[in-house]
């Protein structure tokens, strides 16, 4: 008994951390409590952690808008945009500034680096602007700062329409009033943030002035202005004391309706009769002139299409965003439930409500789908475990899976993570890895129990201790493989951040559960052999097969070299596949969505009616598709903004020349046709509309699968002469149009437009008793309309302005303008034609800047293929003199942002260099590629760097573990073997090699090193026990064959559910085929490498 105690003490002293943990918890009451706590924490995390479709990406940004009335675009560029860009670029944390100078106004968008604190960034911005207010030039108005906040993007949009209200048809103004009442209710829902109504004409008092009547009665605009200032006023005027009470006194009285506005006395006629406003103007109370139109229509897939289809109905949309950190699923559902609850009261019975956006349901669907995939993956792994380990062993390993996943979710909850698609993909990715520790422990305990040489507790402890060190190092190697992904830059950084976070947490959790729970359960539930023959019989077939294949390779140097040469040749051939397009690269493939957007851009100056006609033609095309449930049309205003539109600047669009059609489809789970194919089918009819209407630019915008960019293809042209840049942009646009699969081509040039300048003859005006300001104010009121305050109507939820203007029929031709008269100081009416000329001129087009440099953009999208090959094709065309600079000037091509590498050829008689500078040179013309191409290059650069750093970290770890420089290289020799499966796998499945594929390659580095490490450790262990080198290699390979194969099958089956996912299919392909190839090769190549090195060392030692 004393000897056994001494032996136990010696074993404990020599135990590693795994053995010590197993020894402590194998009979501890804490083990069950730890398991129970893990389950409770996981359930809590599932219920409390906010859900959303994608991770939140914090990109602090703001638009700084500055008005300079009367200035041309060139003046605004010099006086506003350039100085403002210089001021903003000085701030720390600013990544880019985007400037736009146009007539009368300049806008500079400042974008901070991803991940910067939003509040701190905006405070810095306000501080910098206020600090430089003294530098504002004369005539420039105070800057208006509008933050661009992703948290303000609505998660719910609900359209109100009345298609069945035939007896009392609702106008969009009526619907707007209902929507305002509904919005008040929705703002009471907990967790809601910014909310607004889009569409519908608002109420106003329109005063259409009659210049002839004004002239006959001697009334001027200035008299009307003074009258309104004096009449529409109410101010506190002190107080009165009466008895023991103090009563406040208010003087004046607001205007309360159109009648009161019309009854205002403007002046007194020569006959002493008051001249009322209604004597010189037509006054109406209502929506006024139509400046926008919003409609709703139902497609063939809608349940009520038979009665409601074929017609577009007036509509308005309610949009509601959520507070940061709240659950998108619960907030969205609460908003929709509140709308349902107020139907019949606030919302009349004959008004339809249609949920046109529900990001909560979308997030819930994405999460639930992935939870189903996770369950399928777990089920697949269980089946494999049962086949290879037996029922009891597999149940023990299976029991660890929910404990590990729940612990991971609990840690994520405490770290402020959300449950989203990327989080769950990370859990699916880690599934095959997290069972590995438990498999290794249980399989080794199983081997000890089969030998029957010790009791249950000691066998479990020794089995755990035996694989402890290599398992610890292997797990740390996997963690080190993923950790560098935290340093991926740009928007892909926070988008992919849940992967390294959750995989790392899951791996650490799997190690703890494997050492705490698995030995405890093994002691109580695993079968135990009393005769010690189980394992020998069980492994005899495997050892025989392994020896039969590997034995001859060890025995014969020639065969070994031939085999290794064949592996190297195969690896070289596989790595050459991208060179002959055997593998194609892409950032991320398109995803199957339930919605897409159609944007319509007409030339500047296009009347609303013309834009509306085009929008109706587009709507007719949409209505013919059998997968369309409904669509909304917005004319004159943008639709309800989404994350993609926010970063593309869609919120800036407004005017009679723009429109949007938001299309909603049958749920993707209920149709076999993807949204990608649906959009492709519509491109032909949409192109026909553009062919019939020159100048119309119609784009079909699909939601991106990852972080949005300004355009998939984005060419930026820089240079010293902006007019020359515009000419070059036309050539580049031609390249876009000639390139296969490039669609939705556009540029930042803007169409040439005619504007009329009223040139006042200052001398004639002065002699007539008129100043230029009078002319400007009069025309601004007559033509553009002028709001002279508001009327105060009880119950109105929006301001009701008093708008003065000429009737629309008087604002058609320049001749009508010439007949306008201006009253001078003596009361005479002077015709405009006597003191001014109307001169038609070409309007200045906008001037764009990026990071302080003048730039012209050319944009395009890809229908189906990869932007990489489209850009490379155009890149080659530019090098063949397809874009010509002005005489004597070079063009620089900057594509990657990495360095000056080579000269490509001649262009326009001048040397064309491929420059990779961070900033363009204003003295040189340059063409740089941005958009998704830039994102692709940056992401692959960052992931490639992460992979390189991971390899270095793993090597350092192994050097420290083995205390050798050579053995770690043998262990890591399995890493390149993964590519033997990765590239052919993408070719076989016809998938692009994407960013997620690269993540799979990084994951494989950790996986295969884990297998190699355990294999080498067993070889070393057998050699320490006295085995010869040949026997140690063969025995270790035979013993580790089953657990390595088991781990590989767990990874393959665990990730197989992802292979059909459009975004993460590349990751699944990389893991499945890479694991398959590397597992087969690792079991042979790594032992042979180790054998060859050690054999050579033995021979050198003998010599």
Foldseek 3Di string as FASTA:
>chain_A
DVVVVVVVVVCCVVFDPLLVQLLVQLPDPVLVVLLVVLLVLLVCLVVPFAFFAFFDKDKKKKKKKKFQAPDAQVCCVVQPVLVVLVLLVPDPQWDWWKWWGGHGMIMIMTIGFIPPDRVVSVVSVVVSLVVCVVSRDPRMDRIDMGIQGQLQFFQWKKKKFFLPPPVDHDALQNQVQLVVVLVVLLVPQPFWDDKDKADGFYKFKEWAFDQVLCLVQLAFPVLVLVQLVVQADKDWDAWDDDDPDIGTDIDHDHFADQVSQQQRFSDAGPVRHTDGSVSGTDIDIGRPDDLKFKWKAFFQQAPCCVPGHDDITGMMMMGIGGDPRHHLQVSLVSSVVSVVVCDVPSNDVSMDMDTQGRSNVVRVVLLVVLVVLLVQLLVLLLVLCCVQPNNLLSVLLSSVLSSLLSQLSSVCVVVSTHRHNLLSLLSLLLQLVLSLLLLQLSLQLVLLLLQQPDALSVSSSCSSSLCPPLLVLLLVLLLLLLVLLCPQTDSVNSRNVSNSSSNNSSSVSSNSCSSNRNSSSRSPGPDGDNNRCRNVVVLVVLLVVLCVVQVVLLVDVVNVVVVVVVLVVLLVVLVCCVVVPLFFAFAFFAFFDFKWKKKKAFAPPDALVVQVVLQVLLVVLLNPDNFWGMKMKMAQADDSDHQQCSQLVRNVDGGSGIMMMMTGGDPPVPDPDGVLVVVVVSPVSNVVSCVVPPRMQMDIGDDGPTRHWNFQWKKKKFAQDVVLQVVLLVLLLVLQVPFPQWDRKDKQFGDWDKDKDKAFQQVQQVVVQHHPVQVVVVCCCAAVWDWSAFGDHPPDPDTHTHTGYHPPVLHDDVVSQQQRWRQHPVSRTHGSVRGIDIDMDTRDGMWMDMSSTTIMMIHIHGSGDHPVVSVVVVVVVQQVQSGAGPPPAEEEEAEALDAFDDWSHDYNNHTYTHGNHPDDDRNHIYMYIDGSSRVQNSLCVSLVVSLVSSLVVSQVSVCVVVVDNPLSCLLQVLLSQLSSQQSVLCSVVVHHQHSLLSVLSSSVSSLSSSLSSQLVSQLVVVVVVPDDNSVSLSVSLSSSLSSLVSSLSSSLSSLVSCCPGSGNVSSNSSSNRSSVRSSVCSSNRSSSVVSVVVVVVVVVVVD
